[in-house]
Amino acid sequence: MDEQAPTTTAPLEKPLTVLVADDHPLWRDALARDLADHGIDVVGTAGDGAEALRRVEELARGQTHGAGAAGDGEFSAVAGG
């Protein structure tokens, strides 16, 4: 019998802000909606990596802001398959 250790999630010091990038519109929109439903600030979506990089650059320059976007230049990139 395999037992998994219980997982816990510590509250974040500041809200997590993400930009969702995926080439499949239904998956991209569903993921963005699910993240937002769980309190994550989704500042936008992109259909591919190049578009995501453009959007991140715009956000870093403060040209566009989603609701609650910090605009403080702190960004992390996560690549997925």
N, C-alpha and C. Protein backbone atom coordinates (compact mmCIF):
# COMPACT_ATOMS: atom_id res chain seq x y z
N MET A 1 0.84 -1.17 0.00
CA MET A 1 0.00 0.00 0.00
C MET A 1 0.89 1.24 0.00
N ASP A 2 0.76 2.07 -1.04
CA ASP A 2 1.54 3.30 -1.11
C ASP A 2 0.81 4.41 -0.37
N GLU A 3 1.53 5.06 0.51
CA GLU A 3 0.96 6.20 1.23
C GLU A 3 1.71 7.45 0.81
N GLN A 4 0.97 8.48 0.51
CA GLN A 4 1.58 9.75 0.17
C GLN A 4 1.52 10.65 1.39
N ALA A 5 2.60 11.40 1.57
CA ALA A 5 2.61 12.39 2.65
C ALA A 5 1.62 13.49 2.31
N PRO A 6 0.92 13.99 3.30
CA PRO A 6 -0.02 15.09 3.02
C PRO A 6 0.74 16.31 2.53
N THR A 7 0.12 17.02 1.60
CA THR A 7 0.74 18.24 1.10
C THR A 7 0.07 19.44 1.73
N THR A 8 0.86 20.44 1.99
CA THR A 8 0.32 21.69 2.53
C THR A 8 0.83 22.82 1.67
N THR A 9 0.06 23.84 1.60
CA THR A 9 0.45 25.03 0.85
C THR A 9 0.47 26.21 1.80
N ALA A 10 1.64 26.80 1.94
CA ALA A 10 1.77 27.97 2.79
C ALA A 10 1.22 29.18 2.05
N PRO A 11 0.59 30.10 2.77
CA PRO A 11 0.08 31.31 2.12
C PRO A 11 1.25 32.12 1.53
N LEU A 12 1.01 32.72 0.38
CA LEU A 12 2.03 33.54 -0.26
C LEU A 12 2.11 34.89 0.42
N GLU A 13 3.34 35.44 0.47
CA GLU A 13 3.52 36.77 1.05
C GLU A 13 2.84 37.84 0.21
N LYS A 14 2.90 37.68 -1.11
CA LYS A 14 2.19 38.57 -2.02
C LYS A 14 1.51 37.71 -3.07
N PRO A 15 0.45 38.21 -3.69
CA PRO A 15 -0.28 37.40 -4.66
C PRO A 15 0.60 36.97 -5.81
N LEU A 16 0.38 35.76 -6.29
CA LEU A 16 1.09 35.23 -7.44
C LEU A 16 0.47 35.82 -8.70
N THR A 17 1.33 36.33 -9.59
CA THR A 17 0.88 36.93 -10.84
C THR A 17 1.45 36.12 -11.99
N VAL A 18 0.59 35.71 -12.93
CA VAL A 18 1.03 34.87 -14.04
C VAL A 18 0.48 35.37 -15.37
N LEU A 19 1.16 34.98 -16.43
CA LEU A 19 0.69 35.12 -17.79
C LEU A 19 0.66 33.70 -18.34
N VAL A 20 -0.49 33.25 -18.82
CA VAL A 20 -0.66 31.88 -19.31
C VAL A 20 -0.36 31.83 -20.80
N ALA A 21 0.55 30.94 -21.20
CA ALA A 21 0.88 30.77 -22.62
C ALA A 21 0.66 29.31 -23.01
N ASP A 22 -0.12 29.12 -24.06
CA ASP A 22 -0.34 27.78 -24.61
C ASP A 22 -0.90 27.96 -26.01
N ASP A 23 -0.58 27.03 -26.91
CA ASP A 23 -1.04 27.17 -28.28
C ASP A 23 -2.46 26.67 -28.51
N HIS A 24 -3.05 26.07 -27.51
CA HIS A 24 -4.42 25.57 -27.65
C HIS A 24 -5.37 26.51 -26.90
N PRO A 25 -6.23 27.24 -27.61
CA PRO A 25 -7.07 28.27 -26.97
C PRO A 25 -7.97 27.74 -25.85
N LEU A 26 -8.58 26.57 -26.04
CA LEU A 26 -9.47 26.06 -24.99
C LEU A 26 -8.70 25.75 -23.71
N TRP A 27 -7.54 25.10 -23.86
CA TRP A 27 -6.72 24.79 -22.69
C TRP A 27 -6.22 26.07 -22.03
N ARG A 28 -5.72 27.02 -22.84
CA ARG A 28 -5.19 28.29 -22.34
C ARG A 28 -6.26 29.04 -21.54
N ASP A 29 -7.45 29.17 -22.10
CA ASP A 29 -8.51 29.91 -21.43
C ASP A 29 -9.00 29.19 -20.18
N ALA A 30 -9.10 27.86 -20.24
CA ALA A 30 -9.54 27.10 -19.07
C ALA A 30 -8.52 27.22 -17.94
N LEU A 31 -7.24 27.13 -18.27
CA LEU A 31 -6.20 27.25 -17.25
C LEU A 31 -6.21 28.64 -16.63
N ALA A 32 -6.32 29.67 -17.46
CA ALA A 32 -6.36 31.04 -16.95
C ALA A 32 -7.56 31.23 -16.01
N ARG A 33 -8.70 30.69 -16.40
CA ARG A 33 -9.91 30.80 -15.58
C ARG A 33 -9.75 30.05 -14.26
N ASP A 34 -9.21 28.83 -14.32
CA ASP A 34 -9.01 28.05 -13.09
C ASP A 34 -8.03 28.73 -12.14
N LEU A 35 -6.95 29.26 -12.68
CA LEU A 35 -5.99 29.96 -11.83
C LEU A 35 -6.63 31.18 -11.16
N ALA A 36 -7.37 31.95 -11.95
CA ALA A 36 -8.05 33.13 -11.40
C ALA A 36 -9.07 32.73 -10.34
N ASP A 37 -9.77 31.63 -10.57
CA ASP A 37 -10.75 31.15 -9.59
C ASP A 37 -10.11 30.76 -8.27
N HIS A 38 -8.80 30.46 -8.31
CA HIS A 38 -8.08 30.07 -7.10
C HIS A 38 -7.22 31.21 -6.55
N GLY A 39 -7.55 32.45 -6.94
CA GLY A 39 -6.91 33.61 -6.35
C GLY A 39 -5.60 34.04 -6.96
N ILE A 40 -5.23 33.47 -8.09
CA ILE A 40 -3.99 33.85 -8.76
C ILE A 40 -4.32 34.95 -9.76
N ASP A 41 -3.50 36.00 -9.77
CA ASP A 41 -3.71 37.15 -10.65
C ASP A 41 -3.20 36.82 -12.05
N VAL A 42 -4.11 36.55 -12.97
CA VAL A 42 -3.75 36.25 -14.36
C VAL A 42 -3.78 37.56 -15.13
N VAL A 43 -2.59 38.03 -15.55
CA VAL A 43 -2.49 39.33 -16.21
C VAL A 43 -2.66 39.25 -17.71
N GLY A 44 -2.74 38.04 -18.25
CA GLY A 44 -2.96 37.91 -19.68
C GLY A 44 -2.72 36.49 -20.15
N THR A 45 -2.94 36.31 -21.44
CA THR A 45 -2.70 35.02 -22.08
C THR A 45 -1.95 35.26 -23.39
N ALA A 46 -1.29 34.20 -23.87
CA ALA A 46 -0.57 34.28 -25.13
C ALA A 46 -0.68 32.94 -25.84
N GLY A 47 -0.66 32.98 -27.16
CA GLY A 47 -0.82 31.78 -27.95
C GLY A 47 0.47 31.04 -28.25
N ASP A 48 1.61 31.67 -28.00
CA ASP A 48 2.89 31.00 -28.21
C ASP A 48 3.98 31.72 -27.40
N GLY A 49 5.18 31.16 -27.43
CA GLY A 49 6.27 31.72 -26.64
C GLY A 49 6.65 33.13 -27.04
N ALA A 50 6.69 33.39 -28.34
CA ALA A 50 7.06 34.73 -28.82
C ALA A 50 6.06 35.77 -28.34
N GLU A 51 4.78 35.44 -28.43
CA GLU A 51 3.74 36.37 -27.95
C GLU A 51 3.85 36.56 -26.45
N ALA A 52 4.14 35.49 -25.72
CA ALA A 52 4.29 35.58 -24.27
C ALA A 52 5.44 36.51 -23.91
N LEU A 53 6.56 36.39 -24.61
CA LEU A 53 7.69 37.27 -24.33
C LEU A 53 7.35 38.73 -24.62
N ARG A 54 6.63 38.98 -25.71
CA ARG A 54 6.19 40.36 -26.01
C ARG A 54 5.30 40.90 -24.90
N ARG A 55 4.36 40.07 -24.44
CA ARG A 55 3.43 40.51 -23.39
C ARG A 55 4.19 40.79 -22.09
N VAL A 56 5.15 39.94 -21.75
CA VAL A 56 5.93 40.15 -20.53
C VAL A 56 6.73 41.44 -20.63
N GLU A 57 7.32 41.70 -21.80
CA GLU A 57 8.05 42.95 -22.00
C GLU A 57 7.13 44.15 -21.83
N GLU A 58 5.92 44.07 -22.39
CA GLU A 58 4.95 45.16 -22.24
C GLU A 58 4.61 45.37 -20.77
N LEU A 59 4.38 44.28 -20.07
CA LEU A 59 4.04 44.38 -18.65
C LEU A 59 5.19 44.97 -17.85
N ALA A 60 6.41 44.56 -18.18
CA ALA A 60 7.58 45.07 -17.46
C ALA A 60 7.76 46.56 -17.69
N ARG A 61 7.40 47.03 -18.86
CA ARG A 61 7.50 48.46 -19.16
C ARG A 61 6.31 49.23 -18.61
N GLY A 62 5.32 48.53 -18.10
CA GLY A 62 4.16 49.20 -17.53
C GLY A 62 3.17 49.69 -18.55
N GLN A 63 3.24 49.17 -19.80
CA GLN A 63 2.31 49.61 -20.83
C GLN A 63 0.93 49.03 -20.65
N THR A 64 0.86 47.80 -20.14
CA THR A 64 -0.43 47.17 -19.90
C THR A 64 -0.41 46.54 -18.53
N HIS A 65 -1.50 46.61 -17.84
CA HIS A 65 -1.61 46.01 -16.52
C HIS A 65 -2.94 45.30 -16.39
N GLY A 66 -2.89 44.08 -15.89
CA GLY A 66 -4.11 43.37 -15.54
C GLY A 66 -4.56 43.85 -14.18
N ALA A 67 -5.71 43.43 -13.75
CA ALA A 67 -6.20 43.80 -12.43
C ALA A 67 -5.22 43.30 -11.38
N GLY A 68 -4.67 44.22 -10.61
CA GLY A 68 -3.76 43.84 -9.54
C GLY A 68 -2.33 43.60 -9.97
N ALA A 69 -1.99 43.83 -11.23
CA ALA A 69 -0.62 43.61 -11.68
C ALA A 69 0.30 44.61 -11.02
N ALA A 70 1.39 44.13 -10.49
CA ALA A 70 2.31 44.97 -9.74
C ALA A 70 3.08 45.92 -10.63
N GLY A 71 3.51 45.44 -11.79
CA GLY A 71 4.29 46.31 -12.67
C GLY A 71 5.64 46.66 -12.09
N ASP A 72 6.15 45.82 -11.17
CA ASP A 72 7.40 46.13 -10.49
C ASP A 72 8.61 45.48 -11.16
N GLY A 73 8.41 44.87 -12.33
CA GLY A 73 9.52 44.30 -13.06
C GLY A 73 9.95 42.92 -12.58
N GLU A 74 9.26 42.33 -11.63
CA GLU A 74 9.62 41.01 -11.14
C GLU A 74 8.86 39.95 -11.93
N PHE A 75 9.59 39.22 -12.78
CA PHE A 75 8.97 38.19 -13.58
C PHE A 75 9.78 36.91 -13.51
N SER A 76 9.11 35.79 -13.52
CA SER A 76 9.76 34.49 -13.62
C SER A 76 9.16 33.80 -14.84
N ALA A 77 9.95 33.07 -15.55
CA ALA A 77 9.48 32.34 -16.73
C ALA A 77 9.41 30.87 -16.44
N VAL A 78 8.33 30.23 -16.86
CA VAL A 78 8.18 28.78 -16.72
C VAL A 78 7.82 28.25 -18.10
N ALA A 79 8.59 27.29 -18.56
CA ALA A 79 8.32 26.68 -19.87
C ALA A 79 7.62 25.36 -19.67
N GLY A 80 6.62 25.11 -20.47
CA GLY A 80 5.90 23.85 -20.40
C GLY A 80 5.77 23.22 -21.76
N GLY A 81 5.37 21.97 -21.76
CA GLY A 81 5.21 21.26 -23.03
C GLY A 81 3.86 21.38 -23.48
